[in-house]
Amino acid sequence: MIGRRRMLRLVAGAGVAAVLAPLPVRATPEEVRALIGALAGEGPVTRARVRLDLPLLVENGNAVAMTVAVDAPLAGPERVEAIHVFAEANPLPDVARFEFGPAAGRPMVSTRIRLATSQTVVAVARTADGRLWSDEVELLVTLAACLE
């Protein structure tokens, strides 16, 4: 059984350790390229057909509006199966992954994401035949997020 004073010292020590813990490490553009390379395998990633809409100047990185749309047919080998979103300077660069089934309709997603700092965000769409299409946006974040 732990005494009350000992418990308070343990709790206070844990609080100090949490305050002194290092900030999370940010990903690098090379890590994002490696993730996209793993997704692509041997195939190329073509910069076309994907439209990534993000504001170029973001006041607060805690909730950044993002829309990704892909110009692709709804059926057949060019049907979009997934959209991946990567942020080069976030602690976890694989920000979002959206899967689309055959009955999903238009491949478009609107959501909010957190961004740690000013960086490039990349969206990659994978089609049923394995081709990859992409778009990227470089943006400026004035108040960083993802630092807790």
N, C-alpha and C. Protein backbone atom coordinates (compact mmCIF):
# COMPACT_ATOMS: atom_id res chain seq x y z
N MET A 1 0.84 -1.17 0.00
CA MET A 1 0.00 0.00 0.00
C MET A 1 0.89 1.24 0.00
N ILE A 2 0.60 2.17 -0.87
CA ILE A 2 1.39 3.39 -1.00
C ILE A 2 0.78 4.46 -0.12
N GLY A 3 1.66 5.14 0.64
CA GLY A 3 1.20 6.22 1.50
C GLY A 3 0.80 7.44 0.68
N ARG A 4 0.06 8.34 1.33
CA ARG A 4 -0.45 9.52 0.64
C ARG A 4 0.69 10.42 0.16
N ARG A 5 1.70 10.67 0.99
CA ARG A 5 2.81 11.53 0.59
C ARG A 5 3.59 10.93 -0.58
N ARG A 6 3.82 9.63 -0.51
CA ARG A 6 4.55 8.97 -1.60
C ARG A 6 3.76 9.07 -2.90
N MET A 7 2.45 8.89 -2.82
CA MET A 7 1.61 8.99 -4.01
C MET A 7 1.68 10.40 -4.59
N LEU A 8 1.64 11.43 -3.75
CA LEU A 8 1.74 12.81 -4.23
C LEU A 8 3.08 13.06 -4.90
N ARG A 9 4.18 12.51 -4.33
CA ARG A 9 5.50 12.66 -4.96
C ARG A 9 5.53 11.98 -6.32
N LEU A 10 4.93 10.81 -6.42
CA LEU A 10 4.90 10.10 -7.70
C LEU A 10 4.11 10.88 -8.75
N VAL A 11 2.97 11.40 -8.36
CA VAL A 11 2.14 12.17 -9.28
C VAL A 11 2.86 13.46 -9.68
N ALA A 12 3.47 14.16 -8.73
CA ALA A 12 4.20 15.38 -9.04
C ALA A 12 5.39 15.08 -9.94
N GLY A 13 6.08 13.98 -9.70
CA GLY A 13 7.20 13.58 -10.55
C GLY A 13 6.77 13.30 -11.97
N ALA A 14 5.63 12.65 -12.11
CA ALA A 14 5.11 12.36 -13.45
C ALA A 14 4.75 13.65 -14.18
N GLY A 15 4.20 14.61 -13.45
CA GLY A 15 3.87 15.90 -14.05
C GLY A 15 5.11 16.64 -14.54
N VAL A 16 6.18 16.62 -13.75
CA VAL A 16 7.43 17.25 -14.15
C VAL A 16 8.01 16.53 -15.37
N ALA A 17 7.95 15.22 -15.38
CA ALA A 17 8.46 14.45 -16.52
C ALA A 17 7.68 14.79 -17.79
N ALA A 18 6.36 14.98 -17.66
CA ALA A 18 5.56 15.32 -18.84
C ALA A 18 5.92 16.70 -19.36
N VAL A 19 6.20 17.65 -18.46
CA VAL A 19 6.58 19.00 -18.87
C VAL A 19 7.96 19.00 -19.52
N LEU A 20 8.87 18.19 -19.01
CA LEU A 20 10.24 18.16 -19.52
C LEU A 20 10.41 17.24 -20.72
N ALA A 21 9.38 16.49 -21.10
CA ALA A 21 9.48 15.58 -22.24
C ALA A 21 9.73 16.38 -23.51
N PRO A 22 10.55 15.86 -24.41
CA PRO A 22 10.84 16.59 -25.64
C PRO A 22 9.61 16.70 -26.53
N LEU A 23 9.58 17.74 -27.34
CA LEU A 23 8.49 17.92 -28.27
C LEU A 23 8.56 16.82 -29.33
N PRO A 24 7.44 16.46 -29.92
CA PRO A 24 7.45 15.40 -30.92
C PRO A 24 8.32 15.79 -32.11
N VAL A 25 8.95 14.81 -32.68
CA VAL A 25 9.79 15.03 -33.85
C VAL A 25 8.89 15.19 -35.06
N ARG A 26 9.29 16.06 -35.96
CA ARG A 26 8.52 16.25 -37.18
C ARG A 26 9.01 15.33 -38.27
N ALA A 27 8.11 14.96 -39.14
CA ALA A 27 8.49 14.16 -40.30
C ALA A 27 9.31 15.03 -41.25
N THR A 28 9.89 14.41 -42.24
CA THR A 28 10.67 15.12 -43.24
C THR A 28 10.07 14.86 -44.62
N PRO A 29 10.38 15.71 -45.59
CA PRO A 29 9.92 15.44 -46.96
C PRO A 29 10.39 14.08 -47.48
N GLU A 30 11.57 13.64 -47.04
CA GLU A 30 12.07 12.32 -47.46
C GLU A 30 11.18 11.20 -46.94
N GLU A 31 10.68 11.34 -45.70
CA GLU A 31 9.78 10.33 -45.14
C GLU A 31 8.48 10.26 -45.93
N VAL A 32 7.97 11.42 -46.31
CA VAL A 32 6.74 11.46 -47.11
C VAL A 32 6.99 10.82 -48.48
N ARG A 33 8.12 11.13 -49.10
CA ARG A 33 8.45 10.50 -50.38
C ARG A 33 8.55 8.99 -50.24
N ALA A 34 9.11 8.52 -49.12
CA ALA A 34 9.21 7.08 -48.88
C ALA A 34 7.82 6.46 -48.72
N LEU A 35 6.92 7.12 -48.01
CA LEU A 35 5.55 6.61 -47.85
C LEU A 35 4.84 6.54 -49.20
N ILE A 36 5.00 7.58 -50.00
CA ILE A 36 4.38 7.59 -51.32
C ILE A 36 5.03 6.53 -52.20
N GLY A 37 6.33 6.36 -52.08
CA GLY A 37 7.03 5.32 -52.84
C GLY A 37 6.54 3.93 -52.47
N ALA A 38 6.29 3.69 -51.19
CA ALA A 38 5.76 2.40 -50.75
C ALA A 38 4.35 2.18 -51.31
N LEU A 39 3.59 3.25 -51.41
CA LEU A 39 2.25 3.18 -51.98
C LEU A 39 2.30 2.90 -53.48
N ALA A 40 3.26 3.53 -54.16
CA ALA A 40 3.37 3.42 -55.62
C ALA A 40 4.06 2.16 -56.08
N GLY A 41 4.96 1.62 -55.25
CA GLY A 41 5.74 0.47 -55.70
C GLY A 41 6.67 0.92 -56.82
N GLU A 42 6.61 0.23 -57.95
CA GLU A 42 7.46 0.56 -59.10
C GLU A 42 6.82 1.60 -60.01
N GLY A 43 5.53 1.85 -59.85
CA GLY A 43 4.81 2.73 -60.77
C GLY A 43 5.05 4.20 -60.49
N PRO A 44 4.78 5.04 -61.50
CA PRO A 44 4.95 6.49 -61.32
C PRO A 44 3.76 7.12 -60.61
N VAL A 45 3.99 8.30 -60.04
CA VAL A 45 2.92 9.11 -59.45
C VAL A 45 2.81 10.33 -60.35
N THR A 46 1.67 10.47 -61.03
CA THR A 46 1.47 11.54 -62.00
C THR A 46 0.74 12.70 -61.33
N ARG A 47 1.27 13.89 -61.52
CA ARG A 47 0.64 15.08 -60.94
C ARG A 47 -0.44 15.58 -61.89
N ALA A 48 -1.64 15.07 -61.69
CA ALA A 48 -2.81 15.42 -62.51
C ALA A 48 -4.04 14.81 -61.87
N ARG A 49 -5.20 15.22 -62.36
CA ARG A 49 -6.51 14.68 -61.98
C ARG A 49 -6.94 14.93 -60.53
N VAL A 50 -6.04 15.16 -59.61
CA VAL A 50 -6.38 15.40 -58.20
C VAL A 50 -6.38 16.90 -57.95
N ARG A 51 -7.40 17.37 -57.26
CA ARG A 51 -7.44 18.79 -56.86
C ARG A 51 -7.48 18.83 -55.33
N LEU A 52 -6.41 19.35 -54.75
CA LEU A 52 -6.29 19.51 -53.30
C LEU A 52 -6.52 20.98 -52.98
N ASP A 53 -7.60 21.27 -52.27
CA ASP A 53 -7.94 22.64 -51.90
C ASP A 53 -7.64 22.86 -50.43
N LEU A 54 -6.66 23.73 -50.17
CA LEU A 54 -6.30 24.16 -48.82
C LEU A 54 -6.02 25.65 -48.89
N PRO A 55 -6.28 26.38 -47.82
CA PRO A 55 -5.90 27.80 -47.85
C PRO A 55 -4.38 27.93 -47.87
N LEU A 56 -3.87 28.92 -48.58
CA LEU A 56 -2.42 29.11 -48.66
C LEU A 56 -1.87 29.75 -47.38
N LEU A 57 -2.70 30.50 -46.68
CA LEU A 57 -2.31 31.12 -45.41
C LEU A 57 -3.30 30.66 -44.35
N VAL A 58 -2.78 29.97 -43.32
CA VAL A 58 -3.61 29.40 -42.27
C VAL A 58 -3.28 30.10 -40.96
N GLU A 59 -4.31 30.68 -40.31
CA GLU A 59 -4.08 31.35 -39.03
C GLU A 59 -3.79 30.35 -37.92
N ASN A 60 -4.55 29.26 -37.89
CA ASN A 60 -4.45 28.30 -36.79
C ASN A 60 -4.38 26.89 -37.38
N GLY A 61 -3.30 26.16 -37.10
CA GLY A 61 -3.13 24.82 -37.64
C GLY A 61 -3.97 23.76 -36.97
N ASN A 62 -4.75 24.10 -35.94
CA ASN A 62 -5.55 23.10 -35.23
C ASN A 62 -6.72 22.56 -36.05
N ALA A 63 -7.26 23.33 -36.96
CA ALA A 63 -8.40 22.87 -37.78
C ALA A 63 -8.34 23.55 -39.13
N VAL A 64 -7.68 22.90 -40.08
CA VAL A 64 -7.49 23.47 -41.41
C VAL A 64 -8.47 22.78 -42.37
N ALA A 65 -9.32 23.56 -43.01
CA ALA A 65 -10.29 23.01 -43.96
C ALA A 65 -9.56 22.48 -45.19
N MET A 66 -9.96 21.27 -45.61
CA MET A 66 -9.32 20.63 -46.75
C MET A 66 -10.38 19.92 -47.57
N THR A 67 -10.27 20.04 -48.89
CA THR A 67 -11.11 19.28 -49.81
C THR A 67 -10.21 18.63 -50.84
N VAL A 68 -10.44 17.35 -51.10
CA VAL A 68 -9.71 16.62 -52.13
C VAL A 68 -10.76 16.04 -53.08
N ALA A 69 -10.60 16.33 -54.37
CA ALA A 69 -11.50 15.79 -55.38
C ALA A 69 -10.65 15.21 -56.50
N VAL A 70 -11.14 14.13 -57.10
CA VAL A 70 -10.42 13.48 -58.19
C VAL A 70 -11.32 13.42 -59.41
N ASP A 71 -10.78 13.84 -60.55
CA ASP A 71 -11.49 13.78 -61.82
C ASP A 71 -11.27 12.39 -62.39
N ALA A 72 -12.20 11.48 -62.14
CA ALA A 72 -12.08 10.09 -62.58
C ALA A 72 -13.46 9.51 -62.78
N PRO A 73 -13.57 8.50 -63.64
CA PRO A 73 -14.87 7.84 -63.83
C PRO A 73 -15.31 7.10 -62.57
N LEU A 74 -16.61 6.88 -62.47
CA LEU A 74 -17.16 6.23 -61.28
C LEU A 74 -17.07 4.71 -61.36
N ALA A 75 -16.77 4.17 -62.52
CA ALA A 75 -16.68 2.71 -62.69
C ALA A 75 -15.52 2.39 -63.63
N GLY A 76 -15.12 1.13 -63.63
CA GLY A 76 -14.06 0.70 -64.52
C GLY A 76 -12.69 0.75 -63.86
N PRO A 77 -11.65 0.51 -64.64
CA PRO A 77 -10.30 0.43 -64.07
C PRO A 77 -9.75 1.76 -63.55
N GLU A 78 -10.32 2.89 -64.00
CA GLU A 78 -9.85 4.20 -63.53
C GLU A 78 -10.65 4.72 -62.34
N ARG A 79 -11.53 3.87 -61.78
CA ARG A 79 -12.30 4.25 -60.60
C ARG A 79 -11.34 4.44 -59.42
N VAL A 80 -11.54 5.48 -58.65
CA VAL A 80 -10.68 5.76 -57.50
C VAL A 80 -11.05 4.82 -56.35
N GLU A 81 -10.03 4.14 -55.82
CA GLU A 81 -10.23 3.25 -54.67
C GLU A 81 -9.83 3.90 -53.35
N ALA A 82 -8.87 4.82 -53.40
CA ALA A 82 -8.41 5.44 -52.15
C ALA A 82 -7.77 6.79 -52.41
N ILE A 83 -7.86 7.65 -51.42
CA ILE A 83 -7.15 8.93 -51.41
C ILE A 83 -6.34 8.97 -50.12
N HIS A 84 -5.04 9.27 -50.26
CA HIS A 84 -4.13 9.38 -49.12
C HIS A 84 -3.67 10.84 -49.03
N VAL A 85 -3.59 11.36 -47.81
CA VAL A 85 -3.12 12.73 -47.59
C VAL A 85 -1.92 12.68 -46.66
N PHE A 86 -0.83 13.35 -47.08
CA PHE A 86 0.42 13.37 -46.32
C PHE A 86 0.80 14.81 -46.02
N ALA A 87 1.33 15.05 -44.81
CA ALA A 87 1.82 16.37 -44.41
C ALA A 87 3.29 16.23 -44.02
N GLU A 88 4.15 16.95 -44.72
CA GLU A 88 5.59 16.76 -44.61
C GLU A 88 6.19 17.11 -43.26
N ALA A 89 5.55 17.98 -42.48
CA ALA A 89 6.16 18.41 -41.23
C ALA A 89 5.34 18.05 -39.99
N ASN A 90 4.35 17.21 -40.14
CA ASN A 90 3.59 16.74 -38.97
C ASN A 90 4.35 15.63 -38.26
N PRO A 91 4.12 15.43 -36.97
CA PRO A 91 4.77 14.32 -36.27
C PRO A 91 4.43 12.97 -36.92
N LEU A 92 3.19 12.80 -37.36
CA LEU A 92 2.76 11.61 -38.10
C LEU A 92 2.36 12.08 -39.50
N PRO A 93 3.19 11.84 -40.50
CA PRO A 93 2.95 12.42 -41.82
C PRO A 93 1.77 11.84 -42.58
N ASP A 94 1.32 10.63 -42.26
CA ASP A 94 0.17 10.01 -42.94
C ASP A 94 -1.08 10.57 -42.27
N VAL A 95 -1.56 11.71 -42.76
CA VAL A 95 -2.62 12.46 -42.10
C VAL A 95 -3.98 11.81 -42.24
N ALA A 96 -4.31 11.32 -43.44
CA ALA A 96 -5.64 10.77 -43.66
C ALA A 96 -5.60 9.75 -44.79
N ARG A 97 -6.54 8.81 -44.70
CA ARG A 97 -6.69 7.79 -45.74
C ARG A 97 -8.19 7.53 -45.90
N PHE A 98 -8.68 7.68 -47.13
CA PHE A 98 -10.10 7.49 -47.42
C PHE A 98 -10.25 6.39 -48.46
N GLU A 99 -11.08 5.40 -48.18
CA GLU A 99 -11.32 4.28 -49.09
C GLU A 99 -12.69 4.48 -49.76
N PHE A 100 -12.76 4.14 -51.06
CA PHE A 100 -13.99 4.28 -51.82
C PHE A 100 -14.38 2.93 -52.42
N GLY A 101 -15.58 2.47 -52.13
CA GLY A 101 -16.09 1.23 -52.71
C GLY A 101 -16.69 1.49 -54.08
N PRO A 102 -17.11 0.44 -54.77
CA PRO A 102 -17.67 0.60 -56.11
C PRO A 102 -18.94 1.46 -56.16
N ALA A 103 -19.67 1.55 -55.09
CA ALA A 103 -20.90 2.34 -55.06
C ALA A 103 -20.72 3.69 -54.37
N ALA A 104 -19.50 4.12 -54.19
CA ALA A 104 -19.23 5.33 -53.41
C ALA A 104 -19.62 6.62 -54.11
N GLY A 105 -19.66 6.64 -55.42
CA GLY A 105 -19.98 7.87 -56.13
C GLY A 105 -18.72 8.67 -56.40
N ARG A 106 -18.89 9.97 -56.52
CA ARG A 106 -17.78 10.86 -56.87
C ARG A 106 -16.67 10.81 -55.81
N PRO A 107 -15.41 10.63 -56.23
CA PRO A 107 -14.31 10.59 -55.25
C PRO A 107 -13.94 12.00 -54.77
N MET A 108 -14.61 12.41 -53.70
CA MET A 108 -14.38 13.74 -53.13
C MET A 108 -14.55 13.66 -51.62
N VAL A 109 -13.66 14.35 -50.90
CA VAL A 109 -13.70 14.36 -49.44
C VAL A 109 -13.48 15.78 -48.95
N SER A 110 -14.28 16.22 -47.99
CA SER A 110 -14.07 17.50 -47.31
C SER A 110 -13.97 17.23 -45.82
N THR A 111 -12.94 17.76 -45.20
CA THR A 111 -12.73 17.54 -43.77
C THR A 111 -11.82 18.63 -43.23
N ARG A 112 -11.42 18.50 -41.99
CA ARG A 112 -10.44 19.40 -41.37
C ARG A 112 -9.27 18.55 -40.89
N ILE A 113 -8.07 19.08 -41.02
CA ILE A 113 -6.88 18.38 -40.56
C ILE A 113 -6.07 19.30 -39.67
N ARG A 114 -5.18 18.72 -38.87
CA ARG A 114 -4.26 19.49 -38.03
C ARG A 114 -2.91 19.55 -38.72
N LEU A 115 -2.30 20.72 -38.69
CA LEU A 115 -0.99 20.90 -39.29
C LEU A 115 -0.05 21.51 -38.26
N ALA A 116 1.12 20.89 -38.12
CA ALA A 116 2.07 21.29 -37.09
C ALA A 116 2.70 22.63 -37.39
N THR A 117 2.97 22.93 -38.65
CA THR A 117 3.68 24.15 -39.01
C THR A 117 3.51 24.39 -40.50
N SER A 118 4.13 25.42 -41.02
CA SER A 118 4.11 25.66 -42.46
C SER A 118 4.76 24.48 -43.17
N GLN A 119 4.15 24.02 -44.25
CA GLN A 119 4.63 22.80 -44.90
C GLN A 119 3.92 22.57 -46.22
N THR A 120 4.30 21.48 -46.86
CA THR A 120 3.64 21.03 -48.08
C THR A 120 2.75 19.84 -47.73
N VAL A 121 1.51 19.89 -48.21
CA VAL A 121 0.56 18.80 -48.03
C VAL A 121 0.37 18.15 -49.39
N VAL A 122 0.40 16.83 -49.42
CA VAL A 122 0.31 16.06 -50.67
C VAL A 122 -0.90 15.14 -50.59
N ALA A 123 -1.71 15.12 -51.66
CA ALA A 123 -2.82 14.17 -51.78
C ALA A 123 -2.51 13.23 -52.94
N VAL A 124 -2.70 11.93 -52.70
CA VAL A 124 -2.44 10.91 -53.72
C VAL A 124 -3.69 10.05 -53.85
N ALA A 125 -4.17 9.90 -55.09
CA ALA A 125 -5.33 9.05 -55.36
C ALA A 125 -4.85 7.77 -56.04
N ARG A 126 -5.36 6.62 -55.59
CA ARG A 126 -5.02 5.33 -56.19
C ARG A 126 -6.26 4.79 -56.91
N THR A 127 -6.09 4.42 -58.17
CA THR A 127 -7.21 3.90 -58.96
C THR A 127 -7.25 2.37 -58.88
N ALA A 128 -8.33 1.81 -59.39
CA ALA A 128 -8.52 0.35 -59.35
C ALA A 128 -7.44 -0.38 -60.15
N ASP A 129 -6.91 0.26 -61.19
CA ASP A 129 -5.86 -0.38 -61.99
C ASP A 129 -4.45 -0.10 -61.45
N GLY A 130 -4.36 0.53 -60.27
CA GLY A 130 -3.07 0.73 -59.61
C GLY A 130 -2.36 2.02 -59.94
N ARG A 131 -2.92 2.84 -60.81
CA ARG A 131 -2.27 4.11 -61.13
C ARG A 131 -2.45 5.11 -59.98
N LEU A 132 -1.48 6.01 -59.86
CA LEU A 132 -1.50 7.03 -58.81
C LEU A 132 -1.49 8.42 -59.43
N TRP A 133 -2.38 9.27 -58.94
CA TRP A 133 -2.48 10.66 -59.36
C TRP A 133 -2.28 11.51 -58.11
N SER A 134 -1.72 12.71 -58.25
CA SER A 134 -1.44 13.51 -57.05
C SER A 134 -1.60 15.00 -57.28
N ASP A 135 -1.61 15.72 -56.19
CA ASP A 135 -1.56 17.18 -56.16
C ASP A 135 -0.92 17.57 -54.83
N GLU A 136 -0.34 18.74 -54.77
CA GLU A 136 0.25 19.21 -53.51
C GLU A 136 0.06 20.70 -53.38
N VAL A 137 0.03 21.15 -52.12
CA VAL A 137 -0.14 22.57 -51.79
C VAL A 137 0.87 22.92 -50.72
N GLU A 138 1.61 23.99 -50.95
CA GLU A 138 2.52 24.51 -49.93
C GLU A 138 1.81 25.65 -49.23
N LEU A 139 1.73 25.57 -47.90
CA LEU A 139 0.99 26.58 -47.17
C LEU A 139 1.76 27.10 -45.97
N LEU A 140 1.35 28.26 -45.51
CA LEU A 140 1.97 28.94 -44.38
C LEU A 140 1.03 28.89 -43.20
N VAL A 141 1.50 28.34 -42.06
CA VAL A 141 0.69 28.25 -40.84
C VAL A 141 1.29 29.24 -39.84
N THR A 142 0.47 30.19 -39.35
CA THR A 142 0.98 31.20 -38.42
C THR A 142 0.96 30.73 -36.97
N LEU A 143 -0.01 29.89 -36.59
CA LEU A 143 -0.08 29.34 -35.23
C LEU A 143 -0.05 27.82 -35.34
N ALA A 144 1.03 27.21 -34.89
CA ALA A 144 1.26 25.78 -35.05
C ALA A 144 0.33 24.94 -34.21
N ALA A 145 0.10 23.70 -34.65
CA ALA A 145 -0.68 22.70 -33.92
C ALA A 145 0.16 21.45 -33.78
N CYS A 146 -0.42 20.37 -33.29
CA CYS A 146 0.25 19.06 -33.15
C CYS A 146 1.48 19.12 -32.26
N LEU A 147 1.52 20.03 -31.30
CA LEU A 147 2.70 20.15 -30.45
C LEU A 147 2.47 19.64 -29.05
N GLU A 148 1.26 19.20 -28.72
CA GLU A 148 1.00 18.68 -27.38
C GLU A 148 1.62 17.32 -27.25
